[in-house]
Amino acid sequence: MKVFITRIIPEAGLQLFREAGIEVIQWEEKRELTQEELISNCKNVDGLLTAGRAEINAEFLNACKHLKVISLYATGYDNVDISEATKLKIPIGHTPDVLSKATADIAFLLMQNVARKAFFHHKRILNDDWNFFEPLANIGQDLQGKTLGIFGLGKIGFEMARASKGAFDMNILYHNRSNNQEAEEKLGAKKVTFEELLAQSDVISVHANLSDETKNLFNKQAFAKMKPNAIFINTARGPIHNETDLLEALQNKTIWGAGLDVTNPEPMDKNNVLLNLPNVAVLPHIGSSTEETRNDMAILSAKNAIAGMKGERLLKVVNPEVYP
C-alpha cells in the first residue's frame, strides 16, 4: 500500500508507516500543489495525508474516490467537502486534542503582547526610537482581575481560560451551545449569551470551529458592542472575523487591541495595515508549532491513515457516518 503526504512531516509519523509496511511518497517542494498535481499524485496511492491549505473539494474527491482514507495533519477541516467525502464513503481523519495546550499558549501569549504593546515596542528598538522616556506614551493595560470571554469553550478554550485564571485571576465568561460543567466547577466560568459576552468581556478569545454560523461573526456590529478597552484574540480560523471591520474598529478606537494567529486571507500580505498598528500582534498561524505537538500530530495523522488503509475505523474521524 502507498500513502501520499503533501508535506515533509516529523519522523515520528513516517516511522509508523514504515512499520506498517506502507510506502511513503512525500511532496518536498516548498509550495502548494495545484489541484491537478494533487489529483495526479493521488491516482496510484491508497491514502492521502494532507497538511496545509489544499482544497479537498468535490472535484478532487470524485477524481480520487478510490482513496481509502484522507488524513488531515490538522484539527480543522473547513477545507474539506465533508458531505461529498461521506457520500463517497471516504473517512476523513483529523488531529483534535493533541494541539489544545500549544494553541491555547499562543492565545495567552497574544493576549499579553497586545495588552503591553510588546510587538510595537520591539519595533521601536529596531527603529532607534528608544531614546526619551515619556510617562504617558504608548502605555498598555493590566490583565489582573479582568474578564476573559471565551467564544467556543472546548479543550483549547478551557486551557486558555485555565492559564488566564491562574496567572491573572481573570473572571471567565463563555458562550457555547452547551454548558461546560468542568469549566464552571474548576474555573468558576459563567455561560452567557453572545451579546453578554461582547458587552462584558475585557478580552475575547475565539476558539470555535469555522462554520456557516461563525463565519464573519465578529464584524462591525459585534465590535461596536464590545468595550472600548477590549482586546480581541483569534487563534481559531481567520474567516470568523471580518478583517476590514476589525481594522476600522481598531483605528476608530471602538476596541483597544487585537492579537491574531489566523488571518483572512492567509498568508497575510506584508503591507497589511494591521501589522503596523501599535495595539496589534499578528503571528503566522503557529498555534501548533512546538516540537512535541507537531510530533503528536504526525503520530495521530499517521495512525488515522494506517487504520483507514487497513479498512479499520479511524482513531479520530470527522465523518463517522461512513461506518455502518
C-alpha atoms as a PDB file:
ATOM      1  CA  MET A   1       0.000   0.000   0.000  1.00  0.00           C
ATOM      2  CA  LYS A   2       1.053   3.600  -0.621  1.00  0.00           C
ATOM      3  CA  VAL A   3       0.312   6.939   1.020  1.00  0.00           C
ATOM      4  CA  PHE A   4       0.904  10.395  -0.447  1.00  0.00           C
ATOM      5  CA  ILE A   5       1.866  13.150   2.020  1.00  0.00           C
ATOM      6  CA  THR A   6       1.634  16.796   0.969  1.00  0.00           C
ATOM      7  CA  ARG A   7       4.389  17.993   3.316  1.00  0.00           C
ATOM      8  CA  ILE A   8       7.562  16.737   4.967  1.00  0.00           C
ATOM      9  CA  ILE A   9       6.255  15.628   8.369  1.00  0.00           C
ATOM     10  CA  PRO A  10       8.109  14.588  11.542  1.00  0.00           C
ATOM     11  CA  GLU A  11       9.937  11.279  11.595  1.00  0.00           C
ATOM     12  CA  ALA A  12       7.615  10.010  14.345  1.00  0.00           C
ATOM     13  CA  GLY A  13       4.807   9.672  11.791  1.00  0.00           C
ATOM     14  CA  LEU A  14       6.947   8.326   8.962  1.00  0.00           C
ATOM     15  CA  GLN A  15       8.281   5.564  11.201  1.00  0.00           C
ATOM     16  CA  LEU A  16       4.742   4.307  11.819  1.00  0.00           C
ATOM     17  CA  PHE A  17       4.153   3.988   8.069  1.00  0.00           C
ATOM     18  CA  ARG A  18       7.384   2.032   7.624  1.00  0.00           C
ATOM     19  CA  GLU A  19       6.499  -0.298  10.473  1.00  0.00           C
ATOM     20  CA  ALA A  20       3.122  -0.921   8.838  1.00  0.00           C
ATOM     21  CA  GLY A  21       4.800  -1.756   5.518  1.00  0.00           C
ATOM     22  CA  ILE A  22       3.308   1.258   3.763  1.00  0.00           C
ATOM     23  CA  GLU A  23       5.304   3.074   1.085  1.00  0.00           C
ATOM     24  CA  VAL A  24       5.513   6.828   1.644  1.00  0.00           C
ATOM     25  CA  ILE A  25       5.570   9.386  -1.151  1.00  0.00           C
ATOM     26  CA  GLN A  26       6.179  12.939   0.118  1.00  0.00           C
ATOM     27  CA  TRP A  27       5.817  16.257  -1.646  1.00  0.00           C
ATOM     28  CA  GLU A  28       9.094  18.037  -0.900  1.00  0.00           C
ATOM     29  CA  GLU A  29       8.710  21.323  -2.783  1.00  0.00           C
ATOM     30  CA  LYS A  30       8.044  24.392  -0.648  1.00  0.00           C
ATOM     31  CA  ARG A  31       4.919  25.441  -2.492  1.00  0.00           C
ATOM     32  CA  GLU A  32       1.292  24.377  -2.555  1.00  0.00           C
ATOM     33  CA  LEU A  33       0.347  21.693  -5.016  1.00  0.00           C
ATOM     34  CA  THR A  34      -2.090  22.675  -7.715  1.00  0.00           C
ATOM     35  CA  GLN A  35      -5.279  20.654  -7.735  1.00  0.00           C
ATOM     36  CA  GLU A  36      -4.100  18.893 -10.887  1.00  0.00           C
ATOM     37  CA  GLU A  37      -0.847  17.917  -9.149  1.00  0.00           C
ATOM     38  CA  LEU A  38      -2.697  16.710  -6.069  1.00  0.00           C
ATOM     39  CA  ILE A  39      -5.027  14.558  -8.153  1.00  0.00           C
ATOM     40  CA  SER A  40      -2.132  13.196 -10.205  1.00  0.00           C
ATOM     41  CA  ASN A  41      -0.135  12.249  -7.108  1.00  0.00           C
ATOM     42  CA  CYS A  42      -3.139  10.535  -5.534  1.00  0.00           C
ATOM     43  CA  LYS A  43      -4.121   8.441  -8.565  1.00  0.00           C
ATOM     44  CA  ASN A  44      -1.984   5.450  -7.618  1.00  0.00           C
ATOM     45  CA  VAL A  45      -1.996   5.568  -3.822  1.00  0.00           C
ATOM     46  CA  ASP A  46      -4.335   4.148  -1.199  1.00  0.00           C
ATOM     47  CA  GLY A  47      -4.330   7.036   1.232  1.00  0.00           C
ATOM     48  CA  LEU A  48      -3.701  10.774   1.454  1.00  0.00           C
ATOM     49  CA  LEU A  49      -2.185  12.604   4.410  1.00  0.00           C
ATOM     50  CA  THR A  50      -2.559  16.301   3.813  1.00  0.00           C
ATOM     51  CA  ALA A  51      -1.149  19.311   5.634  1.00  0.00           C
ATOM     52  CA  GLY A  52      -1.543  22.934   4.652  1.00  0.00           C
ATOM     53  CA  ARG A  53      -4.292  24.666   2.728  1.00  0.00           C
ATOM     54  CA  ALA A  54      -5.054  22.187  -0.072  1.00  0.00           C
ATOM     55  CA  GLU A  55      -8.737  22.222  -1.028  1.00  0.00           C
ATOM     56  CA  ILE A  56     -10.237  18.747  -0.755  1.00  0.00           C
ATOM     57  CA  ASN A  57     -13.309  19.633  -2.788  1.00  0.00           C
ATOM     58  CA  ALA A  58     -15.876  17.638  -4.743  1.00  0.00           C
ATOM     59  CA  GLU A  59     -13.782  17.697  -7.919  1.00  0.00           C
ATOM     60  CA  PHE A  60     -10.785  16.199  -6.150  1.00  0.00           C
ATOM     61  CA  LEU A  61     -12.858  13.668  -4.217  1.00  0.00           C
ATOM     62  CA  ASN A  62     -14.612  12.352  -7.317  1.00  0.00           C
ATOM     63  CA  ALA A  63     -11.324  12.177  -9.212  1.00  0.00           C
ATOM     64  CA  CYS A  64      -9.793  10.204  -6.329  1.00  0.00           C
ATOM     65  CA  LYS A  65     -12.764   8.275  -4.966  1.00  0.00           C
ATOM     66  CA  HIS A  66     -10.593   5.148  -4.815  1.00  0.00           C
ATOM     67  CA  LEU A  67      -8.848   6.581  -1.722  1.00  0.00           C
ATOM     68  CA  LYS A  68      -9.413   4.517   1.372  1.00  0.00           C
ATOM     69  CA  VAL A  69      -8.738   7.423   3.701  1.00  0.00           C
ATOM     70  CA  ILE A  70      -7.862  11.111   3.837  1.00  0.00           C
ATOM     71  CA  SER A  71      -5.975  12.029   6.986  1.00  0.00           C
ATOM     72  CA  LEU A  72      -5.595  15.698   7.928  1.00  0.00           C
ATOM     73  CA  TYR A  73      -2.481  16.924   9.699  1.00  0.00           C
ATOM     74  CA  ALA A  74      -4.730  19.435  11.431  1.00  0.00           C
ATOM     75  CA  THR A  75      -7.718  19.784  13.713  1.00  0.00           C
ATOM     76  CA  GLY A  76      -9.823  21.985  11.431  1.00  0.00           C
ATOM     77  CA  TYR A  77     -11.464  20.547   8.334  1.00  0.00           C
ATOM     78  CA  ASP A  78     -13.169  23.522   6.709  1.00  0.00           C
ATOM     79  CA  ASN A  79     -11.048  22.930   3.579  1.00  0.00           C
ATOM     80  CA  VAL A  80     -12.750  19.548   3.038  1.00  0.00           C
ATOM     81  CA  ASP A  81     -16.112  18.878   1.407  1.00  0.00           C
ATOM     82  CA  ILE A  82     -17.229  16.568   4.191  1.00  0.00           C
ATOM     83  CA  SER A  83     -20.653  15.786   2.731  1.00  0.00           C
ATOM     84  CA  GLU A  84     -19.129  14.712  -0.605  1.00  0.00           C
ATOM     85  CA  ALA A  85     -16.494  12.609   1.150  1.00  0.00           C
ATOM     86  CA  THR A  86     -19.196  10.934   3.208  1.00  0.00           C
ATOM     87  CA  LYS A  87     -21.268  10.258   0.114  1.00  0.00           C
ATOM     88  CA  LEU A  88     -18.232   8.567  -1.445  1.00  0.00           C
ATOM     89  CA  LYS A  89     -17.576   6.606   1.787  1.00  0.00           C
ATOM     90  CA  ILE A  90     -14.153   8.167   2.311  1.00  0.00           C
ATOM     91  CA  PRO A  91     -13.352   8.582   6.023  1.00  0.00           C
ATOM     92  CA  ILE A  92     -11.717  11.876   6.965  1.00  0.00           C
ATOM     93  CA  GLY A  93      -9.325  11.830   9.904  1.00  0.00           C
ATOM     94  CA  HIS A  94      -8.018  14.805  11.892  1.00  0.00           C
ATOM     95  CA  THR A  95      -5.908  15.579  14.976  1.00  0.00           C
ATOM     96  CA  PRO A  96      -8.026  17.166  17.713  1.00  0.00           C
ATOM     97  CA  ASP A  97      -6.913  17.384  21.347  1.00  0.00           C
ATOM     98  CA  VAL A  98      -3.163  16.947  20.739  1.00  0.00           C
ATOM     99  CA  LEU A  99      -2.662  20.643  19.973  1.00  0.00           C
ATOM    100  CA  SER A 100      -5.007  22.106  22.586  1.00  0.00           C
ATOM    101  CA  LYS A 101      -2.337  23.259  25.042  1.00  0.00           C
ATOM    102  CA  ALA A 102       0.026  24.618  22.371  1.00  0.00           C
ATOM    103  CA  THR A 103      -2.717  26.634  20.680  1.00  0.00           C
ATOM    104  CA  ALA A 104      -4.010  27.962  23.991  1.00  0.00           C
ATOM    105  CA  ASP A 105      -0.451  29.031  24.839  1.00  0.00           C
ATOM    106  CA  ILE A 106      -0.388  31.162  21.671  1.00  0.00           C
ATOM    107  CA  ALA A 107      -3.701  32.800  22.591  1.00  0.00           C
ATOM    108  CA  PHE A 108      -2.294  33.527  26.061  1.00  0.00           C
ATOM    109  CA  LEU A 109       0.911  34.898  24.520  1.00  0.00           C
ATOM    110  CA  LEU A 110      -1.013  37.162  22.144  1.00  0.00           C
ATOM    111  CA  MET A 111      -3.227  38.481  24.931  1.00  0.00           C
ATOM    112  CA  GLN A 112      -0.195  39.569  26.963  1.00  0.00           C
ATOM    113  CA  ASN A 113       1.647  41.005  23.971  1.00  0.00           C
ATOM    114  CA  VAL A 114      -1.340  43.098  22.915  1.00  0.00           C
ATOM    115  CA  ALA A 115      -2.029  44.291  26.459  1.00  0.00           C
ATOM    116  CA  ARG A 116       1.547  45.604  26.750  1.00  0.00           C
ATOM    117  CA  LYS A 117       2.039  46.531  23.052  1.00  0.00           C
ATOM    118  CA  ALA A 118       5.124  44.307  23.051  1.00  0.00           C
ATOM    119  CA  PHE A 119       5.423  43.862  19.272  1.00  0.00           C
ATOM    120  CA  PHE A 120       5.234  47.640  18.819  1.00  0.00           C
ATOM    121  CA  HIS A 121       7.853  48.340  21.471  1.00  0.00           C
ATOM    122  CA  HIS A 122      10.208  45.806  19.922  1.00  0.00           C
ATOM    123  CA  LYS A 123       9.879  47.699  16.628  1.00  0.00           C
ATOM    124  CA  ARG A 124      10.746  50.918  18.485  1.00  0.00           C
ATOM    125  CA  ILE A 125      14.143  49.469  19.321  1.00  0.00           C
ATOM    126  CA  LEU A 126      14.712  48.391  15.726  1.00  0.00           C
ATOM    127  CA  ASN A 127      13.734  51.896  14.577  1.00  0.00           C
ATOM    128  CA  ASP A 128      16.115  53.583  17.038  1.00  0.00           C
ATOM    129  CA  ASP A 129      13.157  55.076  18.896  1.00  0.00           C
ATOM    130  CA  TRP A 130      14.285  54.166  22.432  1.00  0.00           C
ATOM    131  CA  ASN A 131      15.755  57.492  23.389  1.00  0.00           C
ATOM    132  CA  PHE A 132      13.370  59.505  25.553  1.00  0.00           C
ATOM    133  CA  PHE A 133      11.131  58.444  28.432  1.00  0.00           C
ATOM    134  CA  GLU A 134       7.536  59.688  28.208  1.00  0.00           C
ATOM    135  CA  PRO A 135       5.340  58.579  31.137  1.00  0.00           C
ATOM    136  CA  LEU A 136       2.128  58.761  29.081  1.00  0.00           C
ATOM    137  CA  ALA A 137       3.369  57.441  25.752  1.00  0.00           C
ATOM    138  CA  ASN A 138       2.404  54.016  24.388  1.00  0.00           C
ATOM    139  CA  ILE A 139       1.296  52.541  27.687  1.00  0.00           C
ATOM    140  CA  GLY A 140      -0.543  49.240  27.967  1.00  0.00           C
ATOM    141  CA  GLN A 141      -3.112  47.843  30.358  1.00  0.00           C
ATOM    142  CA  ASP A 142      -3.169  45.348  33.216  1.00  0.00           C
ATOM    143  CA  LEU A 143      -4.887  41.981  32.886  1.00  0.00           C
ATOM    144  CA  GLN A 144      -5.116  41.207  36.602  1.00  0.00           C
ATOM    145  CA  GLY A 145      -8.720  40.669  37.645  1.00  0.00           C
ATOM    146  CA  LYS A 146     -10.129  41.488  34.201  1.00  0.00           C
ATOM    147  CA  THR A 147     -12.864  39.474  32.481  1.00  0.00           C
ATOM    148  CA  LEU A 148     -11.963  36.954  29.793  1.00  0.00           C
ATOM    149  CA  GLY A 149     -14.715  35.907  27.395  1.00  0.00           C
ATOM    150  CA  ILE A 150     -14.190  32.603  25.598  1.00  0.00           C
ATOM    151  CA  PHE A 151     -16.097  32.096  22.372  1.00  0.00           C
ATOM    152  CA  GLY A 152     -16.112  28.312  21.975  1.00  0.00           C
ATOM    153  CA  LEU A 153     -15.113  26.758  25.292  1.00  0.00           C
ATOM    154  CA  GLY A 154     -13.823  23.369  24.188  1.00  0.00           C
ATOM    155  CA  LYS A 155     -10.448  21.872  25.044  1.00  0.00           C
ATOM    156  CA  ILE A 156      -8.396  24.785  23.664  1.00  0.00           C
ATOM    157  CA  GLY A 157     -10.667  27.392  25.196  1.00  0.00           C
ATOM    158  CA  PHE A 158     -10.506  25.587  28.534  1.00  0.00           C
ATOM    159  CA  GLU A 159      -6.697  25.658  28.511  1.00  0.00           C
ATOM    160  CA  MET A 160      -6.739  29.381  27.694  1.00  0.00           C
ATOM    161  CA  ALA A 161      -9.224  30.030  30.476  1.00  0.00           C
ATOM    162  CA  ARG A 162      -7.248  27.977  32.988  1.00  0.00           C
ATOM    163  CA  ALA A 163      -3.994  29.786  32.193  1.00  0.00           C
ATOM    164  CA  SER A 164      -5.663  33.195  32.421  1.00  0.00           C
ATOM    165  CA  LYS A 165      -7.381  32.331  35.686  1.00  0.00           C
ATOM    166  CA  GLY A 166      -4.153  31.036  37.196  1.00  0.00           C
ATOM    167  CA  ALA A 167      -1.868  33.844  36.056  1.00  0.00           C
ATOM    168  CA  PHE A 168      -4.139  36.875  36.308  1.00  0.00           C
ATOM    169  CA  ASP A 169      -7.133  35.697  38.357  1.00  0.00           C
ATOM    170  CA  MET A 170      -9.370  36.654  35.434  1.00  0.00           C
ATOM    171  CA  ASN A 171     -13.112  36.175  35.604  1.00  0.00           C
ATOM    172  CA  ILE A 172     -14.232  33.682  32.959  1.00  0.00           C
ATOM    173  CA  LEU A 173     -17.307  34.079  30.767  1.00  0.00           C
ATOM    174  CA  TYR A 174     -18.062  31.800  27.851  1.00  0.00           C
ATOM    175  CA  HIS A 175     -20.510  31.342  25.015  1.00  0.00           C
ATOM    176  CA  ASN A 176     -21.233  27.781  23.862  1.00  0.00           C
ATOM    177  CA  ARG A 177     -24.122  25.788  22.543  1.00  0.00           C
ATOM    178  CA  SER A 178     -23.858  23.568  25.619  1.00  0.00           C
ATOM    179  CA  ASN A 179     -22.685  24.019  29.190  1.00  0.00           C
ATOM    180  CA  ASN A 180     -19.067  23.252  30.093  1.00  0.00           C
ATOM    181  CA  GLN A 181     -19.530  21.759  33.524  1.00  0.00           C
ATOM    182  CA  GLU A 182     -15.802  21.271  34.123  1.00  0.00           C
ATOM    183  CA  ALA A 183     -15.029  24.934  33.459  1.00  0.00           C
ATOM    184  CA  GLU A 184     -17.883  26.058  35.674  1.00  0.00           C
ATOM    185  CA  GLU A 185     -16.747  23.862  38.563  1.00  0.00           C
ATOM    186  CA  LYS A 186     -12.975  24.349  38.289  1.00  0.00           C
ATOM    187  CA  LEU A 187     -12.723  27.906  36.994  1.00  0.00           C
ATOM    188  CA  GLY A 188     -15.982  29.491  38.098  1.00  0.00           C
ATOM    189  CA  ALA A 189     -16.821  30.071  34.441  1.00  0.00           C
ATOM    190  CA  LYS A 190     -20.233  31.515  33.630  1.00  0.00           C
ATOM    191  CA  LYS A 191     -22.160  30.775  30.450  1.00  0.00           C
ATOM    192  CA  VAL A 192     -23.628  33.897  28.829  1.00  0.00           C
ATOM    193  CA  THR A 193     -25.327  34.932  25.619  1.00  0.00           C
ATOM    194  CA  PHE A 194     -23.243  36.173  22.718  1.00  0.00           C
ATOM    195  CA  GLU A 195     -24.480  39.708  23.364  1.00  0.00           C
ATOM    196  CA  GLU A 196     -23.441  39.481  27.011  1.00  0.00           C
ATOM    197  CA  LEU A 197     -20.045  38.102  26.048  1.00  0.00           C
ATOM    198  CA  LEU A 198     -19.421  41.100  23.802  1.00  0.00           C
ATOM    199  CA  ALA A 199     -20.609  43.653  26.340  1.00  0.00           C
ATOM    200  CA  GLN A 200     -18.950  42.294  29.487  1.00  0.00           C
ATOM    201  CA  SER A 201     -15.553  40.953  28.360  1.00  0.00           C
ATOM    202  CA  ASP A 202     -12.284  42.850  28.601  1.00  0.00           C
ATOM    203  CA  VAL A 203     -10.672  40.183  26.420  1.00  0.00           C
ATOM    204  CA  ILE A 204     -12.497  37.960  23.939  1.00  0.00           C
ATOM    205  CA  SER A 205     -10.637  34.872  22.754  1.00  0.00           C
ATOM    206  CA  VAL A 206     -12.041  32.860  19.846  1.00  0.00           C
ATOM    207  CA  HIS A 207     -11.722  29.063  19.917  1.00  0.00           C
ATOM    208  CA  ALA A 208     -14.662  27.940  17.768  1.00  0.00           C
ATOM    209  CA  ASN A 209     -14.789  25.952  14.549  1.00  0.00           C
ATOM    210  CA  LEU A 210     -15.392  27.771  11.295  1.00  0.00           C
ATOM    211  CA  SER A 211     -18.937  27.161  10.081  1.00  0.00           C
ATOM    212  CA  ASP A 212     -21.737  28.992   8.337  1.00  0.00           C
ATOM    213  CA  GLU A 213     -22.805  30.234  11.767  1.00  0.00           C
ATOM    214  CA  THR A 214     -19.398  31.537  12.842  1.00  0.00           C
ATOM    215  CA  LYS A 215     -18.106  32.894   9.532  1.00  0.00           C
ATOM    216  CA  ASN A 216     -17.807  36.687   9.668  1.00  0.00           C
ATOM    217  CA  LEU A 217     -19.459  36.657  13.111  1.00  0.00           C
ATOM    218  CA  PHE A 218     -17.035  39.172  14.569  1.00  0.00           C
ATOM    219  CA  ASN A 219     -17.877  42.086  12.318  1.00  0.00           C
ATOM    220  CA  LYS A 220     -18.598  45.789  12.614  1.00  0.00           C
ATOM    221  CA  GLN A 221     -21.779  45.197  14.576  1.00  0.00           C
ATOM    222  CA  ALA A 222     -20.068  42.833  17.020  1.00  0.00           C
ATOM    223  CA  PHE A 223     -17.062  45.106  17.595  1.00  0.00           C
ATOM    224  CA  ALA A 224     -19.411  48.034  18.236  1.00  0.00           C
ATOM    225  CA  LYS A 225     -20.904  46.128  21.185  1.00  0.00           C
ATOM    226  CA  MET A 226     -17.522  45.459  22.811  1.00  0.00           C
ATOM    227  CA  LYS A 227     -15.863  47.586  25.481  1.00  0.00           C
ATOM    228  CA  PRO A 228     -13.542  50.375  24.269  1.00  0.00           C
ATOM    229  CA  ASN A 229     -10.747  48.748  26.300  1.00  0.00           C
ATOM    230  CA  ALA A 230     -11.441  45.288  24.838  1.00  0.00           C
ATOM    231  CA  ILE A 231      -8.804  43.032  23.294  1.00  0.00           C
ATOM    232  CA  PHE A 232      -9.856  40.646  20.524  1.00  0.00           C
ATOM    233  CA  ILE A 233      -7.883  37.391  20.144  1.00  0.00           C
ATOM    234  CA  ASN A 234      -8.376  34.868  17.331  1.00  0.00           C
ATOM    235  CA  THR A 235      -6.342  31.662  17.141  1.00  0.00           C
ATOM    236  CA  ALA A 236      -9.119  29.588  15.551  1.00  0.00           C
ATOM    237  CA  ARG A 237      -9.855  30.482  11.914  1.00  0.00           C
ATOM    238  CA  GLY A 238      -9.370  33.796  10.104  1.00  0.00           C
ATOM    239  CA  PRO A 239     -12.799  33.997   8.422  1.00  0.00           C
ATOM    240  CA  ILE A 240     -14.504  34.083  11.825  1.00  0.00           C
ATOM    241  CA  HIS A 241     -13.625  37.774  11.968  1.00  0.00           C
ATOM    242  CA  ASN A 242     -14.091  40.400   9.275  1.00  0.00           C
ATOM    243  CA  GLU A 243     -10.620  41.863   8.844  1.00  0.00           C
ATOM    244  CA  THR A 244     -11.802  45.127   7.268  1.00  0.00           C
ATOM    245  CA  ASP A 245     -14.221  45.702  10.137  1.00  0.00           C
ATOM    246  CA  LEU A 246     -11.550  44.780  12.668  1.00  0.00           C
ATOM    247  CA  LEU A 247      -9.129  47.316  11.214  1.00  0.00           C
ATOM    248  CA  GLU A 248     -11.806  50.008  11.314  1.00  0.00           C
ATOM    249  CA  ALA A 249     -12.695  49.157  14.925  1.00  0.00           C
ATOM    250  CA  LEU A 250      -9.037  49.454  15.944  1.00  0.00           C
ATOM    251  CA  GLN A 251      -8.387  52.673  14.059  1.00  0.00           C
ATOM    252  CA  ASN A 252     -11.573  54.260  15.415  1.00  0.00           C
ATOM    253  CA  LYS A 253     -10.759  53.025  18.940  1.00  0.00           C
ATOM    254  CA  THR A 254     -14.027  51.121  19.081  1.00  0.00           C
ATOM    255  CA  ILE A 255     -11.900  48.379  20.683  1.00  0.00           C
ATOM    256  CA  TRP A 256      -8.443  48.633  22.228  1.00  0.00           C
ATOM    257  CA  GLY A 257      -6.369  45.929  20.520  1.00  0.00           C
ATOM    258  CA  ALA A 258      -6.183  42.620  18.698  1.00  0.00           C
ATOM    259  CA  GLY A 259      -3.982  39.533  18.608  1.00  0.00           C
ATOM    260  CA  LEU A 260      -4.214  37.195  15.623  1.00  0.00           C
ATOM    261  CA  ASP A 261      -2.631  33.844  14.851  1.00  0.00           C
ATOM    262  CA  VAL A 262      -5.053  33.419  11.955  1.00  0.00           C
ATOM    263  CA  THR A 263      -5.917  35.905   9.231  1.00  0.00           C
ATOM    264  CA  ASN A 264      -8.171  36.193   6.215  1.00  0.00           C
ATOM    265  CA  PRO A 265      -6.666  35.558   3.778  1.00  0.00           C
ATOM    266  CA  GLU A 266      -3.650  33.518   4.802  1.00  0.00           C
ATOM    267  CA  PRO A 267      -0.853  34.288   4.435  1.00  0.00           C
ATOM    268  CA  MET A 268      -1.346  37.958   5.299  1.00  0.00           C
ATOM    269  CA  ASP A 269       0.146  40.483   2.894  1.00  0.00           C
ATOM    270  CA  LYS A 270       3.336  42.022   4.320  1.00  0.00           C
ATOM    271  CA  ASN A 271       1.919  45.503   3.653  1.00  0.00           C
ATOM    272  CA  ASN A 272      -1.284  44.904   5.621  1.00  0.00           C
ATOM    273  CA  VAL A 273      -2.006  47.966   7.776  1.00  0.00           C
ATOM    274  CA  LEU A 274      -2.741  45.766  10.795  1.00  0.00           C
ATOM    275  CA  LEU A 275       0.928  44.806  11.010  1.00  0.00           C
ATOM    276  CA  ASN A 276       1.939  48.372  11.835  1.00  0.00           C
ATOM    277  CA  LEU A 277      -0.678  49.266  14.417  1.00  0.00           C
ATOM    278  CA  PRO A 278       0.800  49.635  17.926  1.00  0.00           C
ATOM    279  CA  ASN A 279      -2.072  47.764  19.551  1.00  0.00           C
ATOM    280  CA  VAL A 280      -1.968  44.693  17.283  1.00  0.00           C
ATOM    281  CA  ALA A 281       0.100  41.488  17.396  1.00  0.00           C
ATOM    282  CA  VAL A 282      -0.014  39.100  14.445  1.00  0.00           C
ATOM    283  CA  LEU A 283       1.641  35.673  14.185  1.00  0.00           C
ATOM    284  CA  PRO A 284       1.801  33.425  11.070  1.00  0.00           C
ATOM    285  CA  HIS A 285      -0.540  30.646  12.286  1.00  0.00           C
ATOM    286  CA  ILE A 286       1.926  28.956  14.642  1.00  0.00           C
ATOM    287  CA  GLY A 287      -0.591  27.630  17.176  1.00  0.00           C
ATOM    288  CA  SER A 288       0.669  24.045  16.958  1.00  0.00           C
ATOM    289  CA  SER A 289       4.295  24.994  16.410  1.00  0.00           C
ATOM    290  CA  THR A 290       6.132  23.105  19.122  1.00  0.00           C
ATOM    291  CA  GLU A 291       8.260  20.020  18.599  1.00  0.00           C
ATOM    292  CA  GLU A 292       6.122  17.948  20.931  1.00  0.00           C
ATOM    293  CA  THR A 293       2.810  18.976  19.378  1.00  0.00           C
ATOM    294  CA  ARG A 294       3.945  18.532  15.779  1.00  0.00           C
ATOM    295  CA  ASN A 295       5.256  15.051  16.650  1.00  0.00           C
ATOM    296  CA  ASP A 296       1.936  14.154  18.282  1.00  0.00           C
ATOM    297  CA  MET A 297       0.078  15.419  15.212  1.00  0.00           C
ATOM    298  CA  ALA A 298       2.298  13.298  12.951  1.00  0.00           C
ATOM    299  CA  ILE A 299       1.664  10.205  15.047  1.00  0.00           C
ATOM    300  CA  LEU A 300      -2.116  10.647  15.181  1.00  0.00           C
ATOM    301  CA  SER A 301      -2.473  11.556  11.494  1.00  0.00           C
ATOM    302  CA  ALA A 302      -0.318   8.544  10.548  1.00  0.00           C
ATOM    303  CA  LYS A 303      -2.372   6.244  12.774  1.00  0.00           C
ATOM    304  CA  ASN A 304      -5.561   7.562  11.161  1.00  0.00           C
ATOM    305  CA  ALA A 305      -4.145   6.950   7.673  1.00  0.00           C
ATOM    306  CA  ILE A 306      -2.877   3.455   8.510  1.00  0.00           C
ATOM    307  CA  ALA A 307      -6.202   2.451  10.057  1.00  0.00           C
ATOM    308  CA  GLY A 308      -8.093   3.703   7.016  1.00  0.00           C
ATOM    309  CA  MET A 309      -5.865   1.873   4.553  1.00  0.00           C
ATOM    310  CA  LYS A 310      -6.329  -1.324   6.543  1.00  0.00           C
ATOM    311  CA  GLY A 311     -10.094  -0.916   6.498  1.00  0.00           C
ATOM    312  CA  GLU A 312     -10.252  -0.178  10.216  1.00  0.00           C
ATOM    313  CA  ARG A 313     -12.068   2.650  11.973  1.00  0.00           C
ATOM    314  CA  LEU A 314     -10.021   5.838  12.299  1.00  0.00           C
ATOM    315  CA  LEU A 315      -8.961   6.919  15.787  1.00  0.00           C
ATOM    316  CA  LYS A 316     -10.304  10.428  15.188  1.00  0.00           C
ATOM    317  CA  VAL A 317     -12.830  10.639  12.380  1.00  0.00           C
ATOM    318  CA  VAL A 318     -14.698  13.721  11.210  1.00  0.00           C
ATOM    319  CA  ASN A 319     -17.467  11.820   9.383  1.00  0.00           C
ATOM    320  CA  PRO A 320     -18.354   8.688  11.355  1.00  0.00           C
ATOM    321  CA  GLU A 321     -21.395   8.308   9.090  1.00  0.00           C
ATOM    322  CA  VAL A 322     -19.162   6.414   6.642  1.00  0.00           C
ATOM    323  CA  TYR A 323     -19.224   3.441   9.009  1.00  0.00           C
ATOM    324  CA  PRO A 324     -22.180   1.067   9.351  1.00  0.00           C
END
